[in-house]
Every structure is written in C-alpha cells, then in structure tokens.
C-alpha cells in the first residue's frame, strides 16, 4: 500500500465519522473533568485513611 493510497483511504473514512457537536464536546469534556476530580478526591481520601491506619496500628 502506498502512502498516497493510505492518505486517500483515510480521507474517505473520515467522511463517515459522526463528529460530536460543539455542545456535546463541551458537555463530555466537563463530565470527564468532574469525574476525574471526584475520583482524585476519593483516592486521596482513601490514601489519608489508610495512612492514618498504618501510622496508628503498625507504627505504635
């Protein structure tokens, strides 16, 4: 397969892609950021709890 053929087929396939609207992109991006923050806070909370347990139980 030549590079020209590859680029031609890629352009052809890109015409079949269903691109999200601007509003959908903003909503999905916001959702990803919010979920990432929530997960980070959850993991941070677990880390704090387990660090406290480790210090109180093992490092007496």
N, C-alpha and C. Protein backbone atom coordinates (compact mmCIF):
# COMPACT_ATOMS: atom_id res chain seq x y z
N UNK A 1 0.85 -1.18 0.00
CA UNK A 1 0.00 0.00 0.00
C UNK A 1 0.90 1.23 0.00
N UNK A 2 0.64 2.12 -0.91
CA UNK A 2 1.43 3.34 -1.00
C UNK A 2 0.91 4.39 -0.02
N UNK A 3 1.74 5.35 0.22
CA UNK A 3 1.36 6.43 1.14
C UNK A 3 0.18 7.22 0.56
N UNK A 4 0.21 7.46 -0.74
CA UNK A 4 -0.90 8.19 -1.38
C UNK A 4 -2.22 7.45 -1.20
N UNK A 5 -2.19 6.15 -1.39
CA UNK A 5 -3.41 5.34 -1.26
C UNK A 5 -3.88 5.36 0.20
N UNK A 6 -2.95 5.26 1.13
CA UNK A 6 -3.29 5.28 2.55
C UNK A 6 -3.99 6.60 2.92
N UNK A 7 -3.41 7.71 2.47
CA UNK A 7 -3.99 9.03 2.78
C UNK A 7 -5.36 9.16 2.13
N UNK A 8 -5.49 8.70 0.91
CA UNK A 8 -6.78 8.76 0.21
C UNK A 8 -7.85 7.95 0.94
N UNK A 9 -7.50 6.75 1.38
CA UNK A 9 -8.46 5.91 2.10
C UNK A 9 -8.80 6.51 3.47
N UNK A 10 -7.82 7.12 4.09
CA UNK A 10 -8.06 7.75 5.39
C UNK A 10 -9.04 8.91 5.23
N UNK A 11 -8.83 9.75 4.22
CA UNK A 11 -9.76 10.86 3.97
C UNK A 11 -11.17 10.34 3.71
N UNK A 12 -11.26 9.27 2.96
CA UNK A 12 -12.56 8.67 2.65
C UNK A 12 -13.26 8.19 3.92
N UNK A 13 -12.51 7.54 4.78
CA UNK A 13 -13.10 7.03 6.03
C UNK A 13 -13.50 8.16 6.97
N UNK A 14 -12.73 9.24 6.97
CA UNK A 14 -13.04 10.36 7.85
C UNK A 14 -14.38 11.02 7.50
N UNK A 15 -14.82 10.86 6.27
CA UNK A 15 -16.12 11.41 5.87
C UNK A 15 -17.27 10.62 6.49
N UNK A 16 -17.01 9.40 6.92
CA UNK A 16 -18.04 8.55 7.52
C UNK A 16 -18.14 8.72 9.04
N UNK A 17 -17.21 9.44 9.61
CA UNK A 17 -17.18 9.63 11.06
C UNK A 17 -18.30 10.57 11.47
N UNK A 18 -18.98 10.21 12.56
CA UNK A 18 -20.04 11.06 13.11
C UNK A 18 -19.40 11.93 14.20
N UNK A 19 -19.09 13.17 13.86
CA UNK A 19 -18.42 14.06 14.79
C UNK A 19 -19.42 14.65 15.78
N UNK A 20 -19.02 14.81 17.05
CA UNK A 20 -19.94 15.41 18.03
C UNK A 20 -20.09 16.92 17.76
N UNK A 21 -21.22 17.44 18.21
CA UNK A 21 -21.44 18.88 18.07
C UNK A 21 -20.58 19.61 19.11
N UNK A 22 -20.50 20.92 18.96
CA UNK A 22 -19.73 21.72 19.91
C UNK A 22 -20.30 21.56 21.33
N UNK A 23 -21.63 21.57 21.43
CA UNK A 23 -22.28 21.43 22.74
C UNK A 23 -21.96 20.07 23.36
N UNK A 24 -22.03 19.01 22.58
CA UNK A 24 -21.70 17.67 23.09
C UNK A 24 -20.26 17.60 23.56
N UNK A 25 -19.36 18.22 22.80
CA UNK A 25 -17.95 18.22 23.17
C UNK A 25 -17.74 18.91 24.51
N UNK A 26 -18.40 20.05 24.70
CA UNK A 26 -18.27 20.79 25.96
C UNK A 26 -18.84 19.97 27.11
N UNK A 27 -20.00 19.34 26.91
CA UNK A 27 -20.63 18.54 27.96
C UNK A 27 -19.74 17.35 28.32
N UNK A 28 -19.23 16.65 27.31
CA UNK A 28 -18.40 15.47 27.57
C UNK A 28 -17.08 15.85 28.24
N UNK A 29 -16.50 16.96 27.82
CA UNK A 29 -15.25 17.42 28.43
C UNK A 29 -15.48 17.79 29.89
N UNK A 30 -16.57 18.50 30.15
CA UNK A 30 -16.90 18.87 31.53
C UNK A 30 -17.13 17.63 32.38
N UNK A 31 -17.82 16.66 31.83
CA UNK A 31 -18.08 15.41 32.54
C UNK A 31 -16.78 14.69 32.89
N UNK A 32 -15.87 14.63 31.95
CA UNK A 32 -14.58 13.97 32.20
C UNK A 32 -13.81 14.69 33.30
N UNK A 33 -13.80 16.01 33.26
CA UNK A 33 -13.09 16.78 34.29
C UNK A 33 -13.71 16.56 35.66
N UNK A 34 -15.05 16.61 35.75
CA UNK A 34 -15.73 16.42 37.04
C UNK A 34 -15.49 15.02 37.58
N UNK A 35 -15.63 14.01 36.74
CA UNK A 35 -15.40 12.63 37.19
C UNK A 35 -13.95 12.45 37.63
N UNK A 36 -13.02 13.04 36.92
CA UNK A 36 -11.61 12.94 37.29
C UNK A 36 -11.35 13.56 38.66
N UNK A 37 -11.98 14.71 38.92
CA UNK A 37 -11.81 15.37 40.22
C UNK A 37 -12.42 14.52 41.32
N UNK A 38 -13.61 13.96 41.08
CA UNK A 38 -14.27 13.12 42.08
C UNK A 38 -13.42 11.89 42.39
N UNK A 39 -12.89 11.25 41.37
CA UNK A 39 -12.05 10.06 41.58
C UNK A 39 -10.78 10.45 42.33
N UNK A 40 -10.18 11.58 41.98
CA UNK A 40 -8.97 12.03 42.67
C UNK A 40 -9.25 12.29 44.15
N UNK A 41 -10.38 12.91 44.46
CA UNK A 41 -10.74 13.16 45.85
C UNK A 41 -11.00 11.85 46.59
N UNK A 42 -11.65 10.91 45.94
CA UNK A 42 -11.92 9.60 46.54
C UNK A 42 -10.62 8.86 46.87
N UNK A 43 -9.72 8.83 45.90
CA UNK A 43 -8.44 8.14 46.11
C UNK A 43 -7.62 8.86 47.18
N UNK A 44 -7.66 10.18 47.17
CA UNK A 44 -6.95 10.95 48.18
C UNK A 44 -7.51 10.65 49.58
N UNK A 45 -8.83 10.57 49.67
CA UNK A 45 -9.45 10.24 50.96
C UNK A 45 -9.06 8.85 51.44
N UNK A 46 -9.07 7.88 50.54
CA UNK A 46 -8.63 6.53 50.92
C UNK A 46 -7.18 6.53 51.35
N UNK A 47 -6.35 7.28 50.65
CA UNK A 47 -4.93 7.36 51.00
C UNK A 47 -4.76 7.93 52.40
N UNK A 48 -5.51 8.97 52.69
CA UNK A 48 -5.43 9.59 54.02
C UNK A 48 -5.88 8.61 55.10
N UNK A 49 -6.98 7.90 54.86
CA UNK A 49 -7.49 6.93 55.83
C UNK A 49 -6.47 5.81 56.06
N UNK A 50 -5.96 5.23 54.98
CA UNK A 50 -5.03 4.11 55.13
C UNK A 50 -3.70 4.56 55.72
N UNK A 51 -3.27 5.78 55.44
CA UNK A 51 -2.05 6.30 56.05
C UNK A 51 -2.25 6.44 57.55
N UNK A 52 -3.41 6.96 57.95
CA UNK A 52 -3.70 7.09 59.37
C UNK A 52 -3.77 5.74 60.06
N UNK A 53 -4.42 4.75 59.42
CA UNK A 53 -4.48 3.41 60.00
C UNK A 53 -3.09 2.80 60.11
N UNK A 54 -2.30 2.97 59.07
CA UNK A 54 -0.94 2.43 59.08
C UNK A 54 -0.13 3.04 60.22
N UNK A 55 -0.22 4.34 60.38
CA UNK A 55 0.53 5.01 61.44
C UNK A 55 0.05 4.57 62.82
N UNK A 56 -1.28 4.42 63.00
CA UNK A 56 -1.80 4.10 64.32
C UNK A 56 -1.65 2.62 64.68
N UNK A 57 -1.72 1.73 63.71
CA UNK A 57 -1.66 0.30 64.01
C UNK A 57 -0.25 -0.29 63.93
N UNK A 58 0.51 0.12 62.98
CA UNK A 58 1.80 -0.51 62.75
C UNK A 58 2.96 0.26 63.38
N UNK A 59 2.87 1.55 63.39
CA UNK A 59 3.98 2.36 63.88
C UNK A 59 3.77 2.82 65.32
N UNK A 60 3.19 1.99 66.14
CA UNK A 60 2.95 2.38 67.55
C UNK A 60 4.21 2.60 68.29
